[in-house]
Amino acid sequence: MQDHKEKKLTDTAISVLDLVPIVAGKTAADSFKNTLNLAQHVERLGFTRYWLAEHHNMPGIASSATALLIGHVASGTSTIRVGSGGIMLPNHAPLVVAEQFGTLETLYPGRIDLGLGRAPGTDQQTAMALRRDLVGNVEDFPRHVEELQNYLGPVNPNARVRAVPGEGSNVPIWLLGSSTFGAQLAGMLGLPYAFASHFAPAALHHALKVYRESFRPSDTLQTPYAMACVNVTAAATDAEAELLATSLYQSFLSVIRGTARQMQPPAQSMENLWDASEKYAVQQMLRYTFIGAKATVKEQLQAFLDDTQVDEIMVASHIYDHNARLKSYEILGEIMNGK
């Protein structure tokens, strides 16, 4: 493993995860406008990729039709990679995913990523409403990943079922996860791996270890490539950032309570909004959340990079005010560019 002092933020790819939040008092249409505006903003700042995540039946998240939104963002940008973080494969037939992403790759060549997850991205009842059949389950995930690889791989005129468009496109496939299952599968298949440490931090180090140790070179990847997602709220001062971050805390508090709602404005204090056990639970989920002014966030991110030795950092910024969100990524861009 590399010496922990060798990797620098300025040499590390930084990317964006957008959950397309619907903020209180606004609509999904507003969210879509903000998403494209943010993508154009971070493209100018030099970020590597812009991913959107599939969620369903959540009043505060508008990214349910993920492939459509990827097309929306790709059509309004020109250089940044755009993809899924991720498509929840149990909800979809692999052929449909291959055709969708083959179409996206045909429209925006060399810019599309396909990140795959094995969770449904929703509650159990909604998962049943989404299912293409009633017999499949997450244990089919490895087989479906390989099926998808075949559809997007080299053209095979003799195949009984072909993805058109899709075949020959070789859209890069990433495996996503919050446990060691996806890490081991990504390693065995020689695929890049992204860990969801922005909400499920517990298994991060173990998963990275499993991924690196189980990695087998493939036609698409010769050495392990690991990415981790974190939350960042950056502002002019530590105090301002802490205030902005209360929207993130409220969102995760709603998850814990099972009372999903639109993103709430910042709160002057969280003490009257959660009890001690709820506060602890939120803080555990948000262990890899970096909040503060530029110097503070830079120090926190560098420590995270030293600790994990990941190849890329993906950043989610759950901020109520769109302009403040733009500013947070701007500060992050300055850190990334050594300013």
C-alpha atoms as a PDB file:
ATOM      1  CA  MET A   1       0.000   0.000   0.000  1.00  0.00           C
ATOM      2  CA  GLN A   2       1.152   3.553  -0.691  1.00  0.00           C
ATOM      3  CA  ASP A   3       2.666   5.609   2.060  1.00  0.00           C
ATOM      4  CA  HIS A   4      -0.126   7.560   3.700  1.00  0.00           C
ATOM      5  CA  LYS A   5       1.615  10.847   3.046  1.00  0.00           C
ATOM      6  CA  GLU A   6       1.827  10.372  -0.690  1.00  0.00           C
ATOM      7  CA  LYS A   7      -1.762  10.949  -1.770  1.00  0.00           C
ATOM      8  CA  LYS A   8      -2.827  14.574  -1.975  1.00  0.00           C
ATOM      9  CA  LEU A   9      -6.254  16.052  -2.556  1.00  0.00           C
ATOM     10  CA  THR A  10      -4.901  18.007  -5.506  1.00  0.00           C
ATOM     11  CA  ASP A  11      -3.947  14.704  -7.190  1.00  0.00           C
ATOM     12  CA  THR A  12      -7.205  12.919  -6.324  1.00  0.00           C
ATOM     13  CA  ALA A  13     -10.321  12.885  -8.500  1.00  0.00           C
ATOM     14  CA  ILE A  14     -13.272  14.609  -6.814  1.00  0.00           C
ATOM     15  CA  SER A  15     -16.830  13.955  -7.982  1.00  0.00           C
ATOM     16  CA  VAL A  16     -20.427  14.790  -7.101  1.00  0.00           C
ATOM     17  CA  LEU A  17     -23.362  12.707  -5.911  1.00  0.00           C
ATOM     18  CA  ASP A  18     -26.674  14.513  -6.392  1.00  0.00           C
ATOM     19  CA  LEU A  19     -29.766  13.078  -4.700  1.00  0.00           C
ATOM     20  CA  VAL A  20     -31.865  15.771  -6.445  1.00  0.00           C
ATOM     21  CA  PRO A  21     -33.431  16.994  -3.196  1.00  0.00           C
ATOM     22  CA  ILE A  22     -36.873  18.594  -3.181  1.00  0.00           C
ATOM     23  CA  VAL A  23     -36.687  21.388  -0.634  1.00  0.00           C
ATOM     24  CA  ALA A  24     -39.656  22.522   1.431  1.00  0.00           C
ATOM     25  CA  GLY A  25     -41.818  24.951  -0.493  1.00  0.00           C
ATOM     26  CA  LYS A  26     -40.427  23.945  -3.891  1.00  0.00           C
ATOM     27  CA  THR A  27     -41.244  21.333  -6.545  1.00  0.00           C
ATOM     28  CA  ALA A  28     -39.492  18.544  -8.426  1.00  0.00           C
ATOM     29  CA  ALA A  29     -39.300  20.886 -11.425  1.00  0.00           C
ATOM     30  CA  ASP A  30     -37.264  23.303  -9.302  1.00  0.00           C
ATOM     31  CA  SER A  31     -34.995  20.414  -8.283  1.00  0.00           C
ATOM     32  CA  PHE A  32     -34.340  19.452 -11.898  1.00  0.00           C
ATOM     33  CA  LYS A  33     -33.362  23.032 -12.775  1.00  0.00           C
ATOM     34  CA  ASN A  34     -31.027  23.146  -9.788  1.00  0.00           C
ATOM     35  CA  THR A  35     -29.491  19.798 -10.701  1.00  0.00           C
ATOM     36  CA  LEU A  36     -28.551  20.959 -14.200  1.00  0.00           C
ATOM     37  CA  ASN A  37     -27.287  24.276 -12.846  1.00  0.00           C
ATOM     38  CA  LEU A  38     -25.114  22.483 -10.280  1.00  0.00           C
ATOM     39  CA  ALA A  39     -23.771  20.056 -12.900  1.00  0.00           C
ATOM     40  CA  GLN A  40     -22.757  22.941 -15.150  1.00  0.00           C
ATOM     41  CA  HIS A  41     -21.169  24.682 -12.159  1.00  0.00           C
ATOM     42  CA  VAL A  42     -19.021  21.724 -11.078  1.00  0.00           C
ATOM     43  CA  GLU A  43     -18.073  20.980 -14.680  1.00  0.00           C
ATOM     44  CA  ARG A  44     -16.527  24.454 -14.890  1.00  0.00           C
ATOM     45  CA  LEU A  45     -14.742  23.797 -11.598  1.00  0.00           C
ATOM     46  CA  GLY A  46     -13.116  20.620 -12.942  1.00  0.00           C
ATOM     47  CA  PHE A  47     -14.950  17.855 -11.075  1.00  0.00           C
ATOM     48  CA  THR A  48     -14.569  14.390 -12.597  1.00  0.00           C
ATOM     49  CA  ARG A  49     -18.084  12.931 -12.620  1.00  0.00           C
ATOM     50  CA  TYR A  50     -21.673  13.735 -11.661  1.00  0.00           C
ATOM     51  CA  TRP A  51     -23.775  10.848 -10.405  1.00  0.00           C
ATOM     52  CA  LEU A  52     -27.476  10.576  -9.615  1.00  0.00           C
ATOM     53  CA  ALA A  53     -28.964   7.979  -7.287  1.00  0.00           C
ATOM     54  CA  GLU A  54     -32.150   5.952  -7.707  1.00  0.00           C
ATOM     55  CA  HIS A  55     -34.638   6.391  -4.870  1.00  0.00           C
ATOM     56  CA  HIS A  56     -38.384   5.752  -4.802  1.00  0.00           C
ATOM     57  CA  ASN A  57     -41.377   6.858  -2.735  1.00  0.00           C
ATOM     58  CA  MET A  58     -39.401   9.603  -1.000  1.00  0.00           C
ATOM     59  CA  PRO A  59     -41.068  13.039  -0.877  1.00  0.00           C
ATOM     60  CA  GLY A  60     -37.730  14.805  -0.590  1.00  0.00           C
ATOM     61  CA  ILE A  61     -35.837  13.072  -3.431  1.00  0.00           C
ATOM     62  CA  ALA A  62     -36.696  13.494  -7.130  1.00  0.00           C
ATOM     63  CA  SER A  63     -34.227  11.062  -8.750  1.00  0.00           C
ATOM     64  CA  SER A  64     -36.548   8.076  -9.231  1.00  0.00           C
ATOM     65  CA  ALA A  65     -36.257   8.093 -13.060  1.00  0.00           C
ATOM     66  CA  THR A  66     -32.477   8.070 -12.867  1.00  0.00           C
ATOM     67  CA  ALA A  67     -31.638   7.325 -16.514  1.00  0.00           C
ATOM     68  CA  LEU A  68     -33.855  10.195 -17.684  1.00  0.00           C
ATOM     69  CA  LEU A  69     -32.093  12.615 -15.353  1.00  0.00           C
ATOM     70  CA  ILE A  70     -28.686  11.403 -16.516  1.00  0.00           C
ATOM     71  CA  GLY A  71     -29.749  12.309 -20.049  1.00  0.00           C
ATOM     72  CA  HIS A  72     -30.991  15.692 -18.828  1.00  0.00           C
ATOM     73  CA  VAL A  73     -27.650  16.464 -17.190  1.00  0.00           C
ATOM     74  CA  ALA A  74     -25.531  15.066 -20.021  1.00  0.00           C
ATOM     75  CA  SER A  75     -27.444  17.134 -22.590  1.00  0.00           C
ATOM     76  CA  GLY A  76     -26.695  20.340 -20.672  1.00  0.00           C
ATOM     77  CA  THR A  77     -22.994  19.652 -20.079  1.00  0.00           C
ATOM     78  CA  SER A  78     -20.127  18.759 -22.383  1.00  0.00           C
ATOM     79  CA  THR A  79     -17.122  17.253 -20.573  1.00  0.00           C
ATOM     80  CA  ILE A  80     -18.028  15.934 -17.117  1.00  0.00           C
ATOM     81  CA  ARG A  81     -18.847  12.233 -16.857  1.00  0.00           C
ATOM     82  CA  VAL A  82     -22.482  11.597 -15.903  1.00  0.00           C
ATOM     83  CA  GLY A  83     -23.822   8.418 -14.393  1.00  0.00           C
ATOM     84  CA  SER A  84     -25.742   6.499 -11.774  1.00  0.00           C
ATOM     85  CA  GLY A  85     -24.793   6.135  -8.165  1.00  0.00           C
ATOM     86  CA  GLY A  86     -26.598   3.919  -8.621  1.00  0.00           C
ATOM     87  CA  ILE A  87     -29.156   2.024 -10.592  1.00  0.00           C
ATOM     88  CA  MET A  88     -30.748  -0.449  -8.177  1.00  0.00           C
ATOM     89  CA  LEU A  89     -30.545  -3.599 -10.262  1.00  0.00           C
ATOM     90  CA  PRO A  90     -33.191  -5.650  -8.384  1.00  0.00           C
ATOM     91  CA  ASN A  91     -35.764  -3.147  -9.690  1.00  0.00           C
ATOM     92  CA  HIS A  92     -34.893  -3.630 -13.361  1.00  0.00           C
ATOM     93  CA  ALA A  93     -34.397  -6.265 -16.018  1.00  0.00           C
ATOM     94  CA  PRO A  94     -30.703  -6.174 -17.045  1.00  0.00           C
ATOM     95  CA  LEU A  95     -31.666  -5.888 -20.726  1.00  0.00           C
ATOM     96  CA  VAL A  96     -33.673  -2.713 -20.054  1.00  0.00           C
ATOM     97  CA  VAL A  97     -30.739  -1.172 -18.170  1.00  0.00           C
ATOM     98  CA  ALA A  98     -28.382  -2.129 -21.020  1.00  0.00           C
ATOM     99  CA  GLU A  99     -30.670  -0.518 -23.594  1.00  0.00           C
ATOM    100  CA  GLN A 100     -31.084   2.652 -21.522  1.00  0.00           C
ATOM    101  CA  PHE A 101     -27.375   3.114 -20.873  1.00  0.00           C
ATOM    102  CA  GLY A 102     -26.441   1.993 -24.366  1.00  0.00           C
ATOM    103  CA  THR A 103     -28.720   4.758 -25.624  1.00  0.00           C
ATOM    104  CA  LEU A 104     -27.146   7.284 -23.249  1.00  0.00           C
ATOM    105  CA  GLU A 105     -23.639   6.243 -24.328  1.00  0.00           C
ATOM    106  CA  THR A 106     -24.656   6.558 -27.988  1.00  0.00           C
ATOM    107  CA  LEU A 107     -25.995  10.059 -27.391  1.00  0.00           C
ATOM    108  CA  TYR A 108     -23.101  11.193 -25.156  1.00  0.00           C
ATOM    109  CA  PRO A 109     -20.124   9.003 -26.107  1.00  0.00           C
ATOM    110  CA  GLY A 110     -17.361   8.526 -23.577  1.00  0.00           C
ATOM    111  CA  ARG A 111     -19.210  10.307 -20.774  1.00  0.00           C
ATOM    112  CA  ILE A 112     -21.607   7.763 -19.225  1.00  0.00           C
ATOM    113  CA  ASP A 113     -21.029   5.646 -16.083  1.00  0.00           C
ATOM    114  CA  LEU A 114     -23.248   2.821 -14.863  1.00  0.00           C
ATOM    115  CA  GLY A 115     -23.045   2.348 -11.103  1.00  0.00           C
ATOM    116  CA  LEU A 116     -25.052  -0.623  -9.835  1.00  0.00           C
ATOM    117  CA  GLY A 117     -26.490  -1.333  -6.402  1.00  0.00           C
ATOM    118  CA  ARG A 118     -28.289  -4.397  -5.063  1.00  0.00           C
ATOM    119  CA  ALA A 119     -30.618  -2.626  -2.606  1.00  0.00           C
ATOM    120  CA  PRO A 120     -34.061  -1.521  -3.826  1.00  0.00           C
ATOM    121  CA  GLY A 121     -33.516   2.106  -2.833  1.00  0.00           C
ATOM    122  CA  THR A 122     -36.833   2.302  -1.021  1.00  0.00           C
ATOM    123  CA  ASP A 123     -39.113   0.615   1.524  1.00  0.00           C
ATOM    124  CA  GLN A 124     -40.254  -2.997   1.211  1.00  0.00           C
ATOM    125  CA  GLN A 125     -43.776  -2.252   0.007  1.00  0.00           C
ATOM    126  CA  THR A 126     -42.538   0.104  -2.710  1.00  0.00           C
ATOM    127  CA  ALA A 127     -39.893  -2.443  -3.680  1.00  0.00           C
ATOM    128  CA  MET A 128     -42.669  -4.932  -4.334  1.00  0.00           C
ATOM    129  CA  ALA A 129     -44.512  -2.371  -6.450  1.00  0.00           C
ATOM    130  CA  LEU A 130     -41.345  -1.840  -8.503  1.00  0.00           C
ATOM    131  CA  ARG A 131     -40.427  -5.469  -9.020  1.00  0.00           C
ATOM    132  CA  ARG A 132     -40.378  -6.815 -12.532  1.00  0.00           C
ATOM    133  CA  ASP A 133     -41.449 -10.151 -11.052  1.00  0.00           C
ATOM    134  CA  LEU A 134     -42.206 -11.571  -7.634  1.00  0.00           C
ATOM    135  CA  VAL A 135     -39.584 -14.308  -7.515  1.00  0.00           C
ATOM    136  CA  GLY A 136     -36.301 -12.441  -8.012  1.00  0.00           C
ATOM    137  CA  ASN A 137     -34.282 -11.151  -5.060  1.00  0.00           C
ATOM    138  CA  VAL A 138     -30.984  -9.473  -4.254  1.00  0.00           C
ATOM    139  CA  GLU A 139     -29.198 -12.824  -4.306  1.00  0.00           C
ATOM    140  CA  ASP A 140     -29.588 -12.768  -8.098  1.00  0.00           C
ATOM    141  CA  PHE A 141     -27.379  -9.669  -8.225  1.00  0.00           C
ATOM    142  CA  PRO A 142     -24.069 -11.299  -9.317  1.00  0.00           C
ATOM    143  CA  ARG A 143     -25.777 -13.155 -12.156  1.00  0.00           C
ATOM    144  CA  HIS A 144     -27.581 -10.030 -13.307  1.00  0.00           C
ATOM    145  CA  VAL A 145     -24.361  -7.984 -13.253  1.00  0.00           C
ATOM    146  CA  GLU A 146     -22.682 -10.527 -15.529  1.00  0.00           C
ATOM    147  CA  GLU A 147     -25.745 -10.578 -17.783  1.00  0.00           C
ATOM    148  CA  LEU A 148     -25.514  -6.797 -18.059  1.00  0.00           C
ATOM    149  CA  GLN A 149     -21.799  -7.000 -18.821  1.00  0.00           C
ATOM    150  CA  ASN A 150     -22.561  -9.359 -21.703  1.00  0.00           C
ATOM    151  CA  TYR A 151     -25.212  -7.036 -23.140  1.00  0.00           C
ATOM    152  CA  LEU A 152     -22.835  -4.041 -23.062  1.00  0.00           C
ATOM    153  CA  GLY A 153     -19.758  -6.008 -24.131  1.00  0.00           C
ATOM    154  CA  PRO A 154     -18.465  -6.970 -27.576  1.00  0.00           C
ATOM    155  CA  VAL A 155     -20.989  -7.357 -30.390  1.00  0.00           C
ATOM    156  CA  ASN A 156     -22.137 -10.945 -30.763  1.00  0.00           C
ATOM    157  CA  PRO A 157     -24.286 -11.433 -33.889  1.00  0.00           C
ATOM    158  CA  ASN A 158     -25.098 -14.975 -32.767  1.00  0.00           C
ATOM    159  CA  ALA A 159     -26.611 -13.960 -29.438  1.00  0.00           C
ATOM    160  CA  ARG A 160     -30.306 -14.737 -29.145  1.00  0.00           C
ATOM    161  CA  VAL A 161     -30.904 -11.524 -27.154  1.00  0.00           C
ATOM    162  CA  ARG A 162     -28.990  -8.336 -27.946  1.00  0.00           C
ATOM    163  CA  ALA A 163     -29.088  -4.828 -26.505  1.00  0.00           C
ATOM    164  CA  VAL A 164     -29.567  -2.391 -29.387  1.00  0.00           C
ATOM    165  CA  PRO A 165     -28.217   0.152 -28.746  1.00  0.00           C
ATOM    166  CA  GLY A 166     -25.925  -1.142 -26.016  1.00  0.00           C
ATOM    167  CA  GLU A 167     -23.836  -3.959 -27.445  1.00  0.00           C
ATOM    168  CA  GLY A 168     -20.275  -2.880 -28.102  1.00  0.00           C
ATOM    169  CA  SER A 169     -20.705   0.303 -26.074  1.00  0.00           C
ATOM    170  CA  ASN A 170     -18.618  -0.953 -23.139  1.00  0.00           C
ATOM    171  CA  VAL A 171     -20.226   1.508 -20.733  1.00  0.00           C
ATOM    172  CA  PRO A 172     -18.038   1.453 -17.582  1.00  0.00           C
ATOM    173  CA  ILE A 173     -19.760  -0.561 -14.853  1.00  0.00           C
ATOM    174  CA  TRP A 174     -19.127   0.240 -11.190  1.00  0.00           C
ATOM    175  CA  LEU A 175     -20.365  -1.773  -8.242  1.00  0.00           C
ATOM    176  CA  LEU A 176     -21.715   0.182  -5.288  1.00  0.00           C
ATOM    177  CA  GLY A 177     -22.107  -1.004  -1.756  1.00  0.00           C
ATOM    178  CA  SER A 178     -22.274  -0.388   1.959  1.00  0.00           C
ATOM    179  CA  SER A 179     -21.034  -3.844   2.991  1.00  0.00           C
ATOM    180  CA  THR A 180     -18.379  -6.356   1.996  1.00  0.00           C
ATOM    181  CA  PHE A 181     -20.671  -8.230  -0.433  1.00  0.00           C
ATOM    182  CA  GLY A 182     -20.339  -5.695  -3.246  1.00  0.00           C
ATOM    183  CA  ALA A 183     -16.672  -5.170  -2.423  1.00  0.00           C
ATOM    184  CA  GLN A 184     -15.834  -8.827  -2.922  1.00  0.00           C
ATOM    185  CA  LEU A 185     -17.922  -9.120  -6.093  1.00  0.00           C
ATOM    186  CA  ALA A 186     -16.322  -5.979  -7.570  1.00  0.00           C
ATOM    187  CA  GLY A 187     -12.896  -7.413  -6.792  1.00  0.00           C
ATOM    188  CA  MET A 188     -13.660 -10.809  -8.310  1.00  0.00           C
ATOM    189  CA  LEU A 189     -15.068  -9.233 -11.486  1.00  0.00           C
ATOM    190  CA  GLY A 190     -12.248  -6.686 -11.760  1.00  0.00           C
ATOM    191  CA  LEU A 191     -14.608  -3.690 -11.606  1.00  0.00           C
ATOM    192  CA  PRO A 192     -14.238  -0.297  -9.898  1.00  0.00           C
ATOM    193  CA  TYR A 193     -15.936  -0.060  -6.506  1.00  0.00           C
ATOM    194  CA  ALA A 194     -17.742   2.806  -4.767  1.00  0.00           C
ATOM    195  CA  PHE A 195     -18.598   2.695  -1.065  1.00  0.00           C
ATOM    196  CA  ALA A 196     -21.568   4.579   0.433  1.00  0.00           C
ATOM    197  CA  SER A 197     -19.768   5.974   3.471  1.00  0.00           C
ATOM    198  CA  HIS A 198     -21.932   9.111   3.334  1.00  0.00           C
ATOM    199  CA  PHE A 199     -24.710   7.199   5.126  1.00  0.00           C
ATOM    200  CA  ALA A 200     -23.326   3.741   6.021  1.00  0.00           C
ATOM    201  CA  PRO A 201     -19.807   4.293   7.360  1.00  0.00           C
ATOM    202  CA  ALA A 202     -19.388   1.238   9.582  1.00  0.00           C
ATOM    203  CA  ALA A 203     -17.944  -1.217   7.069  1.00  0.00           C
ATOM    204  CA  LEU A 204     -15.855   1.231   5.012  1.00  0.00           C
ATOM    205  CA  HIS A 205     -12.379   0.053   5.975  1.00  0.00           C
ATOM    206  CA  HIS A 206     -13.263  -3.628   5.946  1.00  0.00           C
ATOM    207  CA  ALA A 207     -14.939  -3.307   2.538  1.00  0.00           C
ATOM    208  CA  LEU A 208     -11.933  -1.513   1.045  1.00  0.00           C
ATOM    209  CA  LYS A 209      -9.644  -4.223   2.405  1.00  0.00           C
ATOM    210  CA  VAL A 210     -11.836  -7.004   0.997  1.00  0.00           C
ATOM    211  CA  TYR A 211     -12.042  -5.259  -2.383  1.00  0.00           C
ATOM    212  CA  ARG A 212      -8.296  -4.777  -2.704  1.00  0.00           C
ATOM    213  CA  GLU A 213      -7.459  -8.288  -1.531  1.00  0.00           C
ATOM    214  CA  SER A 214     -10.031 -10.006  -3.756  1.00  0.00           C
ATOM    215  CA  PHE A 215      -9.272  -7.933  -6.866  1.00  0.00           C
ATOM    216  CA  ARG A 216      -8.535  -9.817 -10.063  1.00  0.00           C
ATOM    217  CA  PRO A 217      -7.395  -7.849 -13.151  1.00  0.00           C
ATOM    218  CA  SER A 218      -9.972  -7.721 -15.942  1.00  0.00           C
ATOM    219  CA  ASP A 219     -10.161  -6.437 -19.500  1.00  0.00           C
ATOM    220  CA  THR A 220     -11.474  -3.131 -18.173  1.00  0.00           C
ATOM    221  CA  LEU A 221      -9.362  -2.633 -15.050  1.00  0.00           C
ATOM    222  CA  GLN A 222      -5.852  -3.832 -14.255  1.00  0.00           C
ATOM    223  CA  THR A 223      -5.558  -2.557 -10.681  1.00  0.00           C
ATOM    224  CA  PRO A 224      -8.165  -1.857  -7.964  1.00  0.00           C
ATOM    225  CA  TYR A 225      -9.942   1.499  -8.175  1.00  0.00           C
ATOM    226  CA  ALA A 226     -11.916   2.487  -5.094  1.00  0.00           C
ATOM    227  CA  MET A 227     -14.109   5.504  -4.510  1.00  0.00           C
ATOM    228  CA  ALA A 228     -15.804   6.561  -1.263  1.00  0.00           C
ATOM    229  CA  CYS A 229     -18.679   8.987  -0.896  1.00  0.00           C
ATOM    230  CA  VAL A 230     -18.761  11.542   1.941  1.00  0.00           C
ATOM    231  CA  ASN A 231     -20.909  14.494   2.944  1.00  0.00           C
ATOM    232  CA  VAL A 232     -19.406  17.968   2.735  1.00  0.00           C
ATOM    233  CA  THR A 233     -20.900  21.268   3.836  1.00  0.00           C
ATOM    234  CA  ALA A 234     -18.448  24.098   3.206  1.00  0.00           C
ATOM    235  CA  ALA A 235     -19.058  27.794   3.767  1.00  0.00           C
ATOM    236  CA  ALA A 236     -17.221  31.044   4.476  1.00  0.00           C
ATOM    237  CA  THR A 237     -16.988  30.225   8.195  1.00  0.00           C
ATOM    238  CA  ASP A 238     -17.226  27.149  10.396  1.00  0.00           C
ATOM    239  CA  ALA A 239     -20.289  28.615  12.093  1.00  0.00           C
ATOM    240  CA  GLU A 240     -22.135  29.198   8.827  1.00  0.00           C
ATOM    241  CA  ALA A 241     -21.335  25.676   7.655  1.00  0.00           C
ATOM    242  CA  GLU A 242     -22.572  24.198  10.934  1.00  0.00           C
ATOM    243  CA  LEU A 243     -25.851  26.067  10.507  1.00  0.00           C
ATOM    244  CA  LEU A 244     -26.278  24.874   6.911  1.00  0.00           C
ATOM    245  CA  ALA A 245     -25.576  21.285   7.985  1.00  0.00           C
ATOM    246  CA  THR A 246     -28.655  21.208  10.202  1.00  0.00           C
ATOM    247  CA  SER A 247     -30.717  20.515   7.053  1.00  0.00           C
ATOM    248  CA  LEU A 248     -28.680  17.333   6.590  1.00  0.00           C
ATOM    249  CA  TYR A 249     -29.197  16.375  10.235  1.00  0.00           C
ATOM    250  CA  GLN A 250     -32.958  16.882   9.913  1.00  0.00           C
ATOM    251  CA  SER A 251     -33.097  14.717   6.793  1.00  0.00           C
ATOM    252  CA  PHE A 252     -31.330  11.828   8.513  1.00  0.00           C
ATOM    253  CA  LEU A 253     -33.445  12.304  11.623  1.00  0.00           C
ATOM    254  CA  SER A 254     -36.501  11.812   9.407  1.00  0.00           C
ATOM    255  CA  VAL A 255     -34.965   8.611   8.014  1.00  0.00           C
ATOM    256  CA  ILE A 256     -34.419   7.257  11.524  1.00  0.00           C
ATOM    257  CA  ARG A 257     -37.980   8.125  12.502  1.00  0.00           C
ATOM    258  CA  GLY A 258     -39.459   6.789   9.273  1.00  0.00           C
ATOM    259  CA  THR A 259     -41.087  10.151   8.560  1.00  0.00           C
ATOM    260  CA  ALA A 260     -39.566  11.115   5.212  1.00  0.00           C
ATOM    261  CA  ARG A 261     -40.315  14.660   4.089  1.00  0.00           C
ATOM    262  CA  GLN A 262     -38.931  17.430   1.913  1.00  0.00           C
ATOM    263  CA  MET A 263     -35.587  18.957   2.839  1.00  0.00           C
ATOM    264  CA  GLN A 264     -36.052  21.420   5.679  1.00  0.00           C
ATOM    265  CA  PRO A 265     -34.423  24.839   6.076  1.00  0.00           C
ATOM    266  CA  PRO A 266     -31.537  25.174   8.540  1.00  0.00           C
ATOM    267  CA  ALA A 267     -32.428  25.187  12.238  1.00  0.00           C
ATOM    268  CA  GLN A 268     -30.795  27.539  14.717  1.00  0.00           C
ATOM    269  CA  SER A 269     -30.472  24.589  17.083  1.00  0.00           C
ATOM    270  CA  MET A 270     -31.006  20.851  16.802  1.00  0.00           C
ATOM    271  CA  GLU A 271     -31.347  20.312  20.552  1.00  0.00           C
ATOM    272  CA  ASN A 272     -35.128  20.717  20.571  1.00  0.00           C
ATOM    273  CA  LEU A 273     -35.512  18.572  17.441  1.00  0.00           C
ATOM    274  CA  TRP A 274     -33.866  15.320  18.550  1.00  0.00           C
ATOM    275  CA  ASP A 275     -33.312  13.406  21.742  1.00  0.00           C
ATOM    276  CA  ALA A 276     -29.975  11.990  22.866  1.00  0.00           C
ATOM    277  CA  SER A 277     -30.437   8.573  21.242  1.00  0.00           C
ATOM    278  CA  GLU A 278     -31.574  10.108  17.941  1.00  0.00           C
ATOM    279  CA  LYS A 279     -28.621  12.489  17.967  1.00  0.00           C
ATOM    280  CA  TYR A 280     -26.250   9.577  18.512  1.00  0.00           C
ATOM    281  CA  ALA A 281     -27.854   7.543  15.705  1.00  0.00           C
ATOM    282  CA  VAL A 282     -27.620  10.446  13.235  1.00  0.00           C
ATOM    283  CA  GLN A 283     -24.014  11.149  14.174  1.00  0.00           C
ATOM    284  CA  GLN A 284     -23.118   7.481  13.661  1.00  0.00           C
ATOM    285  CA  MET A 285     -24.651   7.480  10.183  1.00  0.00           C
ATOM    286  CA  LEU A 286     -22.908  10.759   9.352  1.00  0.00           C
ATOM    287  CA  ARG A 287     -19.452   9.835  10.643  1.00  0.00           C
ATOM    288  CA  TYR A 288     -17.872  10.838   7.346  1.00  0.00           C
ATOM    289  CA  THR A 289     -19.423  14.279   7.171  1.00  0.00           C
ATOM    290  CA  PHE A 290     -17.045  17.197   6.842  1.00  0.00           C
ATOM    291  CA  ILE A 291     -18.346  20.622   7.833  1.00  0.00           C
ATOM    292  CA  GLY A 292     -16.640  23.978   7.984  1.00  0.00           C
ATOM    293  CA  ALA A 293     -14.733  26.734   6.239  1.00  0.00           C
ATOM    294  CA  LYS A 294     -12.204  25.888   3.531  1.00  0.00           C
ATOM    295  CA  ALA A 295      -9.259  25.227   5.855  1.00  0.00           C
ATOM    296  CA  THR A 296     -11.363  23.010   8.116  1.00  0.00           C
ATOM    297  CA  VAL A 297     -12.817  20.923   5.284  1.00  0.00           C
ATOM    298  CA  LYS A 298      -9.444  20.632   3.563  1.00  0.00           C
ATOM    299  CA  GLU A 299      -7.883  19.215   6.724  1.00  0.00           C
ATOM    300  CA  GLN A 300     -10.769  16.778   7.244  1.00  0.00           C
ATOM    301  CA  LEU A 301     -10.731  15.536   3.647  1.00  0.00           C
ATOM    302  CA  GLN A 302      -6.969  15.075   3.639  1.00  0.00           C
ATOM    303  CA  ALA A 303      -7.212  13.056   6.850  1.00  0.00           C
ATOM    304  CA  PHE A 304      -9.922  10.896   5.235  1.00  0.00           C
ATOM    305  CA  LEU A 305      -7.712  10.357   2.187  1.00  0.00           C
ATOM    306  CA  ASP A 306      -4.727   9.470   4.378  1.00  0.00           C
ATOM    307  CA  ASP A 307      -6.878   7.017   6.318  1.00  0.00           C
ATOM    308  CA  THR A 308      -8.568   5.256   3.386  1.00  0.00           C
ATOM    309  CA  GLN A 309      -6.154   5.697   0.467  1.00  0.00           C
ATOM    310  CA  VAL A 310      -9.127   5.797  -1.901  1.00  0.00           C
ATOM    311  CA  ASP A 311      -8.537   6.704  -5.530  1.00  0.00           C
ATOM    312  CA  GLU A 312     -11.480   9.088  -5.764  1.00  0.00           C
ATOM    313  CA  ILE A 313     -13.752  10.984  -3.393  1.00  0.00           C
ATOM    314  CA  MET A 314     -17.403  11.568  -4.233  1.00  0.00           C
ATOM    315  CA  VAL A 315     -19.153  14.359  -2.386  1.00  0.00           C
ATOM    316  CA  ALA A 316     -22.817  14.824  -1.480  1.00  0.00           C
ATOM    317  CA  SER A 317     -23.815  18.269  -0.210  1.00  0.00           C
ATOM    318  CA  HIS A 318     -27.273  18.232   1.351  1.00  0.00           C
ATOM    319  CA  ILE A 319     -27.809  21.993   1.573  1.00  0.00           C
ATOM    320  CA  TYR A 320     -31.206  23.721   1.587  1.00  0.00           C
ATOM    321  CA  ASP A 321     -30.284  26.955  -0.219  1.00  0.00           C
ATOM    322  CA  HIS A 322     -29.182  26.349  -3.802  1.00  0.00           C
ATOM    323  CA  ASN A 323     -26.725  29.249  -3.870  1.00  0.00           C
ATOM    324  CA  ALA A 324     -25.141  28.020  -0.647  1.00  0.00           C
ATOM    325  CA  ARG A 325     -24.856  24.573  -2.231  1.00  0.00           C
ATOM    326  CA  LEU A 326     -23.126  26.066  -5.270  1.00  0.00           C
ATOM    327  CA  LYS A 327     -20.762  27.919  -2.940  1.00  0.00           C
ATOM    328  CA  SER A 328     -19.970  24.741  -1.008  1.00  0.00           C
ATOM    329  CA  TYR A 329     -18.853  22.988  -4.188  1.00  0.00           C
ATOM    330  CA  GLU A 330     -16.960  26.104  -5.245  1.00  0.00           C
ATOM    331  CA  ILE A 331     -14.963  25.972  -2.005  1.00  0.00           C
ATOM    332  CA  LEU A 332     -14.408  22.265  -2.581  1.00  0.00           C
ATOM    333  CA  GLY A 333     -13.182  23.048  -6.082  1.00  0.00           C
ATOM    334  CA  GLU A 334     -10.671  25.505  -4.644  1.00  0.00           C
ATOM    335  CA  ILE A 335      -9.393  22.804  -2.294  1.00  0.00           C
ATOM    336  CA  MET A 336      -9.178  20.344  -5.184  1.00  0.00           C
ATOM    337  CA  ASN A 337      -7.234  22.833  -7.302  1.00  0.00           C
ATOM    338  CA  GLY A 338      -4.856  23.792  -4.516  1.00  0.00           C
ATOM    339  CA  LYS A 339      -6.146  27.328  -4.077  1.00  0.00           C
END
